Protein backbone atom coordinates (compact mmCIF):
# COMPACT_ATOMS: atom_id res chain seq x y z
CA GLU A 1 194.23 3.45 103.17
CA LYS A 2 194.12 2.58 107.07
CA LEU A 3 196.17 -0.56 107.23
CA PRO A 4 197.93 -2.13 110.36
CA ALA A 5 201.57 -1.66 110.52
CA ASN A 6 202.52 -5.66 109.28
CA LEU A 7 200.25 -5.36 106.68
CA LYS A 8 201.47 -1.85 105.49
CA LYS A 9 205.08 -3.47 105.59
CA ILE A 10 203.81 -6.51 103.37
CA VAL A 11 201.93 -3.80 100.71
CA GLY A 12 205.14 -1.99 100.78
CA ALA A 13 207.23 -5.24 99.84
CA PHE A 14 205.06 -6.21 96.96
CA GLN A 15 205.40 -2.56 95.80
CA MET A 16 208.64 -2.69 95.29
CA VAL A 17 208.73 -5.36 93.18
CA PRO A 18 208.19 -4.41 89.52
CA ASP A 19 207.45 -7.78 87.68
CA PRO A 20 204.30 -9.42 88.71
CA MET A 21 205.79 -12.95 87.94
CA GLN A 22 208.16 -11.83 91.04
CA ARG A 23 205.25 -10.83 93.04
CA TYR A 24 203.48 -14.13 92.32
CA LYS A 25 206.59 -16.04 93.49
CA GLN A 26 206.53 -13.69 96.60
CA LEU A 27 203.00 -14.93 97.20
CA LEU A 28 204.21 -18.55 96.91
CA PHE A 29 206.83 -17.53 99.24
CA PHE A 30 203.90 -16.68 101.89
CA ALA A 31 202.37 -19.85 101.03
CA ALA A 32 205.29 -21.79 101.92
CA LYS A 33 205.61 -20.08 105.63
CA LEU A 34 202.04 -21.64 106.50
CA LYS A 35 202.76 -24.88 108.51
CA GLY A 36 200.88 -26.73 111.18
CA PHE A 37 197.60 -26.36 110.36
CA ASP A 38 195.63 -28.99 112.56
CA GLU A 39 193.24 -31.46 110.79
CA LYS A 40 190.67 -31.01 113.34
CA ASP A 41 190.04 -27.31 112.16
CA ARG A 42 188.77 -28.07 108.65
CA VAL A 43 185.25 -27.59 109.71
CA GLU A 44 182.55 -26.07 107.80
CA ASP A 45 182.61 -23.43 110.70
CA ASN A 46 186.31 -22.31 109.51
CA LYS A 47 185.76 -22.93 105.64
CA VAL A 48 185.97 -19.67 103.37
CA GLN A 49 182.53 -19.64 101.40
CA GLY A 50 182.27 -18.48 97.94
CA CYS A 51 185.75 -19.69 97.17
CA VAL A 52 186.67 -21.57 94.39
CA SER A 53 189.73 -23.65 96.32
CA GLN A 54 189.00 -24.90 99.93
CA VAL A 55 190.17 -22.43 102.55
CA TRP A 56 189.71 -22.69 106.23
CA VAL A 57 190.94 -19.97 108.39
CA VAL A 58 191.29 -20.43 112.36
CA PRO A 59 192.14 -17.73 114.80
CA ARG A 60 193.55 -18.54 118.26
CA MET A 61 193.69 -15.52 121.44
CA GLY A 62 197.29 -15.63 122.33
CA GLU A 63 198.46 -15.47 125.85
CA ASP A 64 199.06 -11.68 125.15
CA GLY A 65 195.44 -11.29 124.62
CA LEU A 66 195.72 -10.86 120.72
CA VAL A 67 194.53 -12.31 118.09
CA TYR A 68 196.55 -14.82 115.54
CA PHE A 69 195.26 -16.80 112.62
CA THR A 70 196.37 -19.68 110.72
CA ALA A 71 195.12 -21.02 107.56
CA ASP A 72 195.56 -23.38 104.95
CA SER A 73 194.09 -23.89 101.42
CA ASP A 74 194.24 -26.90 98.66
CA SER A 75 195.70 -23.86 96.22
CA GLN A 76 199.04 -22.44 96.64
CA LEU A 77 198.05 -19.22 95.06
CA THR A 78 195.09 -18.86 97.81
CA LYS A 79 197.08 -20.11 100.21
CA GLY A 80 199.75 -17.50 100.03
CA LEU A 81 196.71 -15.02 100.09
CA ALA A 82 195.66 -16.62 103.13
CA ALA A 83 199.27 -16.69 104.53
CA LEU A 84 199.50 -12.94 103.54
CA LEU A 85 196.58 -12.00 105.66
CA CYS A 86 197.78 -14.36 108.59
CA GLU A 87 200.86 -12.24 108.96
CA GLY A 88 199.46 -8.86 107.93
CA LEU A 89 196.69 -9.25 111.27
CA ARG A 90 199.18 -10.76 113.25
CA ARG A 91 199.88 -8.60 116.71
CA VAL A 92 197.08 -5.85 115.72
CA LEU A 93 196.38 -4.81 118.82
CA ALA A 94 192.63 -3.36 118.25
CA PRO A 95 190.34 -5.31 117.02
CA LYS A 96 188.46 -2.63 115.46
CA GLU A 97 191.99 -1.96 113.17
CA ILE A 98 191.55 -5.58 111.97
CA MET A 99 187.43 -4.59 111.03
CA ALA A 100 188.46 -1.04 109.12
CA VAL A 101 190.63 -3.18 106.59
CA GLU A 102 188.93 -2.92 103.12
CA PRO A 103 189.37 -5.86 100.72
CA ASP A 104 190.03 -3.60 97.89
CA PHE A 105 193.63 -2.90 99.55
CA VAL A 106 194.63 -6.36 97.63
CA GLU A 107 194.76 -3.77 94.55
CA LEU A 108 197.47 -2.40 96.11
CA LEU A 109 199.71 -5.43 95.98
CA GLY A 110 199.67 -5.35 92.24
CA LEU A 111 199.03 -9.10 91.39
CA GLY A 112 196.33 -8.01 88.69
CA GLN A 113 196.47 -10.77 86.54
CA SER A 114 196.97 -13.44 88.82
CA LEU A 115 193.69 -12.58 90.53
CA THR A 116 191.13 -13.40 88.90
CA PRO A 117 187.33 -11.98 89.64
CA SER A 118 186.51 -15.09 91.33
CA ARG A 119 189.92 -15.24 93.49
CA THR A 120 189.38 -11.72 94.44
CA ASN A 121 186.33 -12.28 95.65
CA GLY A 122 187.54 -15.56 97.40
CA PHE A 123 190.00 -13.01 99.06
CA MET A 124 187.49 -10.70 100.20
CA ASN A 125 185.55 -13.53 101.96
CA MET A 126 188.61 -14.61 103.56
CA LEU A 127 189.06 -11.08 105.06
CA ARG A 128 185.33 -10.97 106.03
CA LEU A 129 185.71 -14.40 107.92
CA MET A 130 188.47 -13.67 109.51
CA GLN A 131 187.08 -10.15 110.97
CA LYS A 132 183.95 -11.99 111.88
CA LYS A 133 186.05 -14.63 113.48
CA THR A 134 188.11 -11.74 115.67
CA LEU A 135 185.01 -10.19 116.72
CA GLU A 136 183.76 -13.42 117.95
CA CYS A 137 187.04 -14.04 119.64
CA TYR A 138 187.08 -11.10 121.76
CA MET A 139 183.09 -11.35 122.72
CA GLU A 140 184.32 -14.87 124.24
């Protein structure tokens, strides 16, 4: 599976944690790192559709010409998944690298029980929206 370096590092860190409960806590740790989401970004265009929780993702083009994401959710677990994607897709040099990420990489995290089918579906929609917004950033 071809993953951007940051995402590969995160997956590796999750795989080193044998206990599912600890992995779950790791996700909540990611959620706590997401800060400073701007209220004005809570608009329909930034909202992840098909997610049980409310989730918003916003891209920003950095000074370095790379896309950076911020996200927020009303659910801590979902916020953790969003934070994981924000961190994992950070500083990716080529948009095609982001486009190449397949949502099934979530299985490599070993979160099994924590991810209900609807949450897995929401995660996939989150990634798809981030990919779509990446393309939009580079087309502007």
